[in-house]
Amino acid sequence: MAEEKQQEQANEAPKAVFKIPNTALLAIAFLVICVTPVAFGDVPYLQWLYLFPIALAVFVIRTRTTATSQGLEVRTMFGRRDLPWASLKGLAITDKAKVQAVLKDESKIALPAVRTRHLPVISLVSAGHMADPSGLTDDIDKPAEKAPEKDEAPGE
């Protein structure tokens, strides 16, 4: 049974998910603890303060960018958008090392949680649709070259 599951995973197309780390939920839990004395203090109706940690938790859980061989899936807090590789002109890098997808009509879409260090991974997952500007994956694309063989034995 486990071997069948491993075989299915090996046959699946590669996929990379870029999201906010789940450890951010620890900070949100700490915020809930800090808000509790204020929310249930002497001033009535301050329980609405719990909306802030709830909204932050939804943001952390929902926001992500998924790269597959078909394209990019961008999920934000309130929406989702699929970007096939054919509709992309390329990727742009902002001043803060964030990455944006540039569409054929020159419009730009921010890719949540994607940074410049993730570009080689996107290049590998895209199956050749996006080139790696860093050049880190160039060796993977080319076949390995054989070392020249020497006719002489060592020590001669």
C-alpha atoms as a PDB file:
ATOM      1  CA  MET A   1       0.000   0.000   0.000  1.00  0.00           C
ATOM      2  CA  ALA A   2       2.795   2.435   0.905  1.00  0.00           C
ATOM      3  CA  GLU A   3       4.684   1.539  -2.273  1.00  0.00           C
ATOM      4  CA  GLU A   4       1.621   2.374  -4.389  1.00  0.00           C
ATOM      5  CA  LYS A   5       1.355   5.779  -2.714  1.00  0.00           C
ATOM      6  CA  GLN A   6       5.039   6.470  -3.358  1.00  0.00           C
ATOM      7  CA  GLN A   7       4.605   5.423  -6.987  1.00  0.00           C
ATOM      8  CA  GLU A   8       1.657   7.829  -7.392  1.00  0.00           C
ATOM      9  CA  GLN A   9       3.682  10.675  -5.903  1.00  0.00           C
ATOM     10  CA  ALA A  10       6.584   9.919  -8.236  1.00  0.00           C
ATOM     11  CA  ASN A  11       4.267  10.008 -11.266  1.00  0.00           C
ATOM     12  CA  GLU A  12       2.756  13.376 -10.300  1.00  0.00           C
ATOM     13  CA  ALA A  13       4.083  16.512 -11.922  1.00  0.00           C
ATOM     14  CA  PRO A  14       6.397  18.558  -9.694  1.00  0.00           C
ATOM     15  CA  LYS A  15       4.763  21.279  -7.653  1.00  0.00           C
ATOM     16  CA  ALA A  16       6.194  24.027  -5.450  1.00  0.00           C
ATOM     17  CA  VAL A  17       4.123  25.845  -2.836  1.00  0.00           C
ATOM     18  CA  PHE A  18       5.341  29.179  -1.483  1.00  0.00           C
ATOM     19  CA  LYS A  19       3.477  30.329   1.614  1.00  0.00           C
ATOM     20  CA  ILE A  20       3.910  32.161   4.886  1.00  0.00           C
ATOM     21  CA  PRO A  21       5.411  29.748   7.434  1.00  0.00           C
ATOM     22  CA  ASN A  22       2.921  28.242   9.866  1.00  0.00           C
ATOM     23  CA  THR A  23       5.088  29.403  12.753  1.00  0.00           C
ATOM     24  CA  ALA A  24       3.490  32.811  12.191  1.00  0.00           C
ATOM     25  CA  LEU A  25       0.416  31.302  13.827  1.00  0.00           C
ATOM     26  CA  LEU A  26       2.372  31.212  17.104  1.00  0.00           C
ATOM     27  CA  ALA A  27       2.652  34.994  17.043  1.00  0.00           C
ATOM     28  CA  ILE A  28      -1.081  35.210  16.360  1.00  0.00           C
ATOM     29  CA  ALA A  29      -1.771  32.908  19.322  1.00  0.00           C
ATOM     30  CA  PHE A  30       0.353  35.214  21.479  1.00  0.00           C
ATOM     31  CA  LEU A  31      -1.714  38.156  20.202  1.00  0.00           C
ATOM     32  CA  VAL A  32      -4.904  36.355  21.274  1.00  0.00           C
ATOM     33  CA  ILE A  33      -3.446  35.894  24.766  1.00  0.00           C
ATOM     34  CA  CYS A  34      -2.532  39.583  24.938  1.00  0.00           C
ATOM     35  CA  VAL A  35      -5.964  40.741  23.711  1.00  0.00           C
ATOM     36  CA  THR A  36      -7.942  38.581  26.150  1.00  0.00           C
ATOM     37  CA  PRO A  37      -7.521  40.766  29.288  1.00  0.00           C
ATOM     38  CA  VAL A  38      -8.508  43.868  27.321  1.00  0.00           C
ATOM     39  CA  ALA A  39     -11.458  42.178  25.608  1.00  0.00           C
ATOM     40  CA  PHE A  40     -12.948  40.942  28.880  1.00  0.00           C
ATOM     41  CA  GLY A  41     -11.949  43.943  31.027  1.00  0.00           C
ATOM     42  CA  ASP A  42     -14.125  46.663  32.517  1.00  0.00           C
ATOM     43  CA  VAL A  43     -15.088  48.223  29.183  1.00  0.00           C
ATOM     44  CA  PRO A  44     -17.964  46.290  27.590  1.00  0.00           C
ATOM     45  CA  TYR A  45     -18.125  45.137  23.942  1.00  0.00           C
ATOM     46  CA  LEU A  46     -14.376  44.934  23.337  1.00  0.00           C
ATOM     47  CA  GLN A  47     -14.648  41.308  22.222  1.00  0.00           C
ATOM     48  CA  TRP A  48     -14.544  42.633  18.648  1.00  0.00           C
ATOM     49  CA  LEU A  49     -10.770  42.924  19.189  1.00  0.00           C
ATOM     50  CA  TYR A  50     -10.609  39.181  18.445  1.00  0.00           C
ATOM     51  CA  LEU A  51     -11.366  40.008  14.800  1.00  0.00           C
ATOM     52  CA  PHE A  52      -7.763  41.118  14.291  1.00  0.00           C
ATOM     53  CA  PRO A  53      -6.135  37.788  15.235  1.00  0.00           C
ATOM     54  CA  ILE A  54      -8.789  35.894  13.285  1.00  0.00           C
ATOM     55  CA  ALA A  55      -8.138  38.002  10.185  1.00  0.00           C
ATOM     56  CA  LEU A  56      -4.385  37.518  10.556  1.00  0.00           C
ATOM     57  CA  ALA A  57      -4.807  33.750  10.901  1.00  0.00           C
ATOM     58  CA  VAL A  58      -6.951  33.609   7.759  1.00  0.00           C
ATOM     59  CA  PHE A  59      -4.307  35.663   5.943  1.00  0.00           C
ATOM     60  CA  VAL A  60      -1.470  33.328   6.993  1.00  0.00           C
ATOM     61  CA  ILE A  61      -3.381  30.145   6.170  1.00  0.00           C
ATOM     62  CA  ARG A  62      -4.831  31.285   2.846  1.00  0.00           C
ATOM     63  CA  THR A  63      -2.098  33.379   1.182  1.00  0.00           C
ATOM     64  CA  ARG A  64       0.188  31.339  -1.096  1.00  0.00           C
ATOM     65  CA  THR A  65       1.622  30.897  -4.579  1.00  0.00           C
ATOM     66  CA  THR A  66       1.700  27.440  -6.162  1.00  0.00           C
ATOM     67  CA  ALA A  67       3.902  26.728  -9.184  1.00  0.00           C
ATOM     68  CA  THR A  68       3.203  23.695 -11.389  1.00  0.00           C
ATOM     69  CA  SER A  69       4.127  22.650 -14.911  1.00  0.00           C
ATOM     70  CA  GLN A  70       0.852  24.226 -16.113  1.00  0.00           C
ATOM     71  CA  GLY A  71       1.371  27.641 -14.517  1.00  0.00           C
ATOM     72  CA  LEU A  72       1.053  29.642 -11.324  1.00  0.00           C
ATOM     73  CA  GLU A  73      -1.852  29.707  -8.889  1.00  0.00           C
ATOM     74  CA  VAL A  74      -1.984  32.873  -6.790  1.00  0.00           C
ATOM     75  CA  ARG A  75      -4.190  32.813  -3.698  1.00  0.00           C
ATOM     76  CA  THR A  76      -4.777  35.908  -1.627  1.00  0.00           C
ATOM     77  CA  MET A  77      -6.999  36.448   1.379  1.00  0.00           C
ATOM     78  CA  PHE A  78     -10.107  37.080  -0.724  1.00  0.00           C
ATOM     79  CA  GLY A  79      -9.347  35.676  -4.161  1.00  0.00           C
ATOM     80  CA  ARG A  80      -7.631  33.161  -6.385  1.00  0.00           C
ATOM     81  CA  ARG A  81      -6.135  33.515  -9.836  1.00  0.00           C
ATOM     82  CA  ASP A  82      -4.633  30.966 -12.210  1.00  0.00           C
ATOM     83  CA  LEU A  83      -1.842  32.170 -14.479  1.00  0.00           C
ATOM     84  CA  PRO A  84      -0.902  29.676 -17.216  1.00  0.00           C
ATOM     85  CA  TRP A  85       2.694  29.930 -18.426  1.00  0.00           C
ATOM     86  CA  ALA A  86       1.441  30.948 -21.893  1.00  0.00           C
ATOM     87  CA  SER A  87      -0.172  34.098 -20.466  1.00  0.00           C
ATOM     88  CA  LEU A  88       3.040  35.241 -18.767  1.00  0.00           C
ATOM     89  CA  LYS A  89       5.622  37.463 -20.378  1.00  0.00           C
ATOM     90  CA  GLY A  90       8.043  36.967 -17.491  1.00  0.00           C
ATOM     91  CA  LEU A  91       8.749  37.711 -13.869  1.00  0.00           C
ATOM     92  CA  ALA A  92       9.737  41.086 -12.404  1.00  0.00           C
ATOM     93  CA  ILE A  93      11.662  41.725  -9.203  1.00  0.00           C
ATOM     94  CA  THR A  94      10.762  44.681  -6.986  1.00  0.00           C
ATOM     95  CA  ASP A  95      13.110  46.746  -4.832  1.00  0.00           C
ATOM     96  CA  LYS A  96      12.281  44.641  -1.761  1.00  0.00           C
ATOM     97  CA  ALA A  97      13.210  41.317  -3.465  1.00  0.00           C
ATOM     98  CA  LYS A  98       9.574  40.429  -4.074  1.00  0.00           C
ATOM     99  CA  VAL A  99       8.551  38.810  -7.340  1.00  0.00           C
ATOM    100  CA  GLN A 100       5.716  39.856  -9.635  1.00  0.00           C
ATOM    101  CA  ALA A 101       4.284  38.040 -12.641  1.00  0.00           C
ATOM    102  CA  VAL A 102       4.209  40.182 -15.774  1.00  0.00           C
ATOM    103  CA  LEU A 103       1.365  39.295 -18.123  1.00  0.00           C
ATOM    104  CA  LYS A 104       1.417  39.708 -21.916  1.00  0.00           C
ATOM    105  CA  ASP A 105      -0.594  42.954 -21.574  1.00  0.00           C
ATOM    106  CA  GLU A 106       2.167  44.380 -19.297  1.00  0.00           C
ATOM    107  CA  SER A 107       0.006  44.188 -16.167  1.00  0.00           C
ATOM    108  CA  LYS A 108       1.738  42.931 -13.025  1.00  0.00           C
ATOM    109  CA  ILE A 109       0.431  40.561 -10.379  1.00  0.00           C
ATOM    110  CA  ALA A 110       2.213  40.199  -7.048  1.00  0.00           C
ATOM    111  CA  LEU A 111       3.206  36.640  -6.162  1.00  0.00           C
ATOM    112  CA  PRO A 112       2.671  36.254  -2.398  1.00  0.00           C
ATOM    113  CA  ALA A 113       5.512  34.671  -0.426  1.00  0.00           C
ATOM    114  CA  VAL A 114       7.770  34.358  -3.515  1.00  0.00           C
ATOM    115  CA  ARG A 115      11.224  35.933  -3.248  1.00  0.00           C
ATOM    116  CA  THR A 116      14.187  36.060  -5.589  1.00  0.00           C
ATOM    117  CA  ARG A 117      15.773  33.036  -3.901  1.00  0.00           C
ATOM    118  CA  HIS A 118      12.792  30.976  -5.117  1.00  0.00           C
ATOM    119  CA  LEU A 119      13.362  31.666  -8.836  1.00  0.00           C
ATOM    120  CA  PRO A 120      15.488  28.525  -9.453  1.00  0.00           C
ATOM    121  CA  VAL A 121      12.693  26.385  -7.981  1.00  0.00           C
ATOM    122  CA  ILE A 122      10.093  28.063 -10.202  1.00  0.00           C
ATOM    123  CA  SER A 123      12.372  27.460 -13.181  1.00  0.00           C
ATOM    124  CA  LEU A 124      12.626  23.740 -12.401  1.00  0.00           C
ATOM    125  CA  VAL A 125       8.901  23.290 -11.796  1.00  0.00           C
ATOM    126  CA  SER A 126       7.888  25.248 -14.905  1.00  0.00           C
ATOM    127  CA  ALA A 127       9.355  22.552 -17.181  1.00  0.00           C
ATOM    128  CA  GLY A 128      11.311  25.050 -19.261  1.00  0.00           C
ATOM    129  CA  HIS A 129       8.681  27.806 -19.511  1.00  0.00           C
ATOM    130  CA  MET A 130      10.602  30.173 -17.210  1.00  0.00           C
ATOM    131  CA  ALA A 131      14.358  30.569 -17.386  1.00  0.00           C
ATOM    132  CA  ASP A 132      16.406  30.801 -14.211  1.00  0.00           C
ATOM    133  CA  PRO A 133      18.097  34.225 -14.122  1.00  0.00           C
ATOM    134  CA  SER A 134      20.545  33.112 -11.423  1.00  0.00           C
ATOM    135  CA  GLY A 135      21.986  30.307 -13.554  1.00  0.00           C
ATOM    136  CA  LEU A 136      21.868  27.792 -10.694  1.00  0.00           C
ATOM    137  CA  THR A 137      19.823  25.280 -12.685  1.00  0.00           C
ATOM    138  CA  ASP A 138      21.923  25.450 -15.861  1.00  0.00           C
ATOM    139  CA  ASP A 139      23.873  22.316 -14.876  1.00  0.00           C
ATOM    140  CA  ILE A 140      20.666  20.347 -14.347  1.00  0.00           C
ATOM    141  CA  ASP A 141      19.341  21.114 -17.840  1.00  0.00           C
ATOM    142  CA  LYS A 142      22.529  20.040 -19.633  1.00  0.00           C
ATOM    143  CA  PRO A 143      23.547  16.369 -19.829  1.00  0.00           C
ATOM    144  CA  ALA A 144      26.577  15.460 -17.754  1.00  0.00           C
ATOM    145  CA  GLU A 145      29.806  15.546 -19.713  1.00  0.00           C
ATOM    146  CA  LYS A 146      32.142  12.595 -19.394  1.00  0.00           C
ATOM    147  CA  ALA A 147      35.659  13.194 -18.140  1.00  0.00           C
ATOM    148  CA  PRO A 148      38.302  12.511 -20.758  1.00  0.00           C
ATOM    149  CA  GLU A 149      39.899   9.112 -20.316  1.00  0.00           C
ATOM    150  CA  LYS A 150      43.661   8.819 -20.082  1.00  0.00           C
ATOM    151  CA  ASP A 151      45.508   6.119 -21.946  1.00  0.00           C
ATOM    152  CA  GLU A 152      48.364   6.165 -19.474  1.00  0.00           C
ATOM    153  CA  ALA A 153      48.308   4.292 -16.213  1.00  0.00           C
ATOM    154  CA  PRO A 154      48.880   6.349 -13.057  1.00  0.00           C
ATOM    155  CA  GLY A 155      52.530   6.928 -12.250  1.00  0.00           C
ATOM    156  CA  GLU A 156      53.880   6.609 -15.802  1.00  0.00           C
END
